[in-house]
Amino acid sequence: MSEAQLGLVTATPIIIIFAVALRRMGVLSTAGTVSAVALSVAIAVVLFTTQ
């Protein structure tokens, strides 16, 4: 696993946890949270497979 892939594996869960925490605080809407999680996972998958 390259350093870029390790970074993706590390950063994606942090982004998801942060989005959920913002949702629980009432800062993000449900649609915003779902889109943030879905897009971060999609970007991570694309970048992980092309590295």
C-alpha atoms as a PDB file:
ATOM      1  CA  MET A   1       0.000   0.000   0.000  1.00  0.00           C
ATOM      2  CA  SER A   2       1.427   3.358  -1.008  1.00  0.00           C
ATOM      3  CA  GLU A   3       1.532   6.448   1.189  1.00  0.00           C
ATOM      4  CA  ALA A   4      -1.284   8.024  -0.822  1.00  0.00           C
ATOM      5  CA  GLN A   5      -3.511   5.016  -0.262  1.00  0.00           C
ATOM      6  CA  LEU A   6      -2.683   4.990   3.436  1.00  0.00           C
ATOM      7  CA  GLY A   7      -3.647   8.660   3.595  1.00  0.00           C
ATOM      8  CA  LEU A   8      -6.972   7.935   1.916  1.00  0.00           C
ATOM      9  CA  VAL A   9      -7.689   5.076   4.311  1.00  0.00           C
ATOM     10  CA  THR A  10      -6.929   7.405   7.210  1.00  0.00           C
ATOM     11  CA  ALA A  11      -8.641  10.581   5.996  1.00  0.00           C
ATOM     12  CA  THR A  12     -11.930   9.143   4.761  1.00  0.00           C
ATOM     13  CA  PRO A  13     -13.144   7.833   8.149  1.00  0.00           C
ATOM     14  CA  ILE A  14     -12.127  11.135   9.761  1.00  0.00           C
ATOM     15  CA  ILE A  15     -14.227  13.044   7.221  1.00  0.00           C
ATOM     16  CA  ILE A  16     -17.187  10.726   7.861  1.00  0.00           C
ATOM     17  CA  ILE A  17     -16.895  11.067  11.645  1.00  0.00           C
ATOM     18  CA  PHE A  18     -16.637  14.843  11.320  1.00  0.00           C
ATOM     19  CA  ALA A  19     -19.731  15.008   9.080  1.00  0.00           C
ATOM     20  CA  VAL A  20     -21.752  12.875  11.501  1.00  0.00           C
ATOM     21  CA  ALA A  21     -20.598  14.997  14.434  1.00  0.00           C
ATOM     22  CA  LEU A  22     -21.671  18.169  12.625  1.00  0.00           C
ATOM     23  CA  ARG A  23     -25.044  16.564  11.910  1.00  0.00           C
ATOM     24  CA  ARG A  24     -25.512  15.697  15.579  1.00  0.00           C
ATOM     25  CA  MET A  25     -24.683  19.304  16.536  1.00  0.00           C
ATOM     26  CA  GLY A  26     -27.304  20.527  14.073  1.00  0.00           C
ATOM     27  CA  VAL A  27     -24.858  22.271  11.748  1.00  0.00           C
ATOM     28  CA  LEU A  28     -25.420  20.022   8.726  1.00  0.00           C
ATOM     29  CA  SER A  29     -28.707  18.847   7.327  1.00  0.00           C
ATOM     30  CA  THR A  30     -29.335  15.167   6.754  1.00  0.00           C
ATOM     31  CA  ALA A  31     -28.989  15.618   3.004  1.00  0.00           C
ATOM     32  CA  GLY A  32     -25.701  17.460   3.488  1.00  0.00           C
ATOM     33  CA  THR A  33     -24.377  14.722   5.740  1.00  0.00           C
ATOM     34  CA  VAL A  34     -25.387  11.955   3.349  1.00  0.00           C
ATOM     35  CA  SER A  35     -23.872  13.749   0.382  1.00  0.00           C
ATOM     36  CA  ALA A  36     -20.627  14.487   2.261  1.00  0.00           C
ATOM     37  CA  VAL A  37     -20.257  10.860   3.303  1.00  0.00           C
ATOM     38  CA  ALA A  38     -21.201   9.471  -0.107  1.00  0.00           C
ATOM     39  CA  LEU A  39     -18.897  11.796  -2.015  1.00  0.00           C
ATOM     40  CA  SER A  40     -15.955  11.268   0.307  1.00  0.00           C
ATOM     41  CA  VAL A  41     -16.312   7.497  -0.038  1.00  0.00           C
ATOM     42  CA  ALA A  42     -16.691   7.755  -3.820  1.00  0.00           C
ATOM     43  CA  ILE A  43     -13.635   9.995  -4.139  1.00  0.00           C
ATOM     44  CA  ALA A  44     -11.592   7.734  -1.882  1.00  0.00           C
ATOM     45  CA  VAL A  45     -12.539   4.645  -3.898  1.00  0.00           C
ATOM     46  CA  VAL A  46     -11.639   6.279  -7.195  1.00  0.00           C
ATOM     47  CA  LEU A  47      -8.344   7.639  -5.914  1.00  0.00           C
ATOM     48  CA  PHE A  48      -7.483   4.394  -4.101  1.00  0.00           C
ATOM     49  CA  THR A  49      -7.993   2.269  -7.186  1.00  0.00           C
ATOM     50  CA  THR A  50      -6.082   4.621  -9.503  1.00  0.00           C
ATOM     51  CA  GLN A  51      -3.026   5.025  -7.237  1.00  0.00           C
END
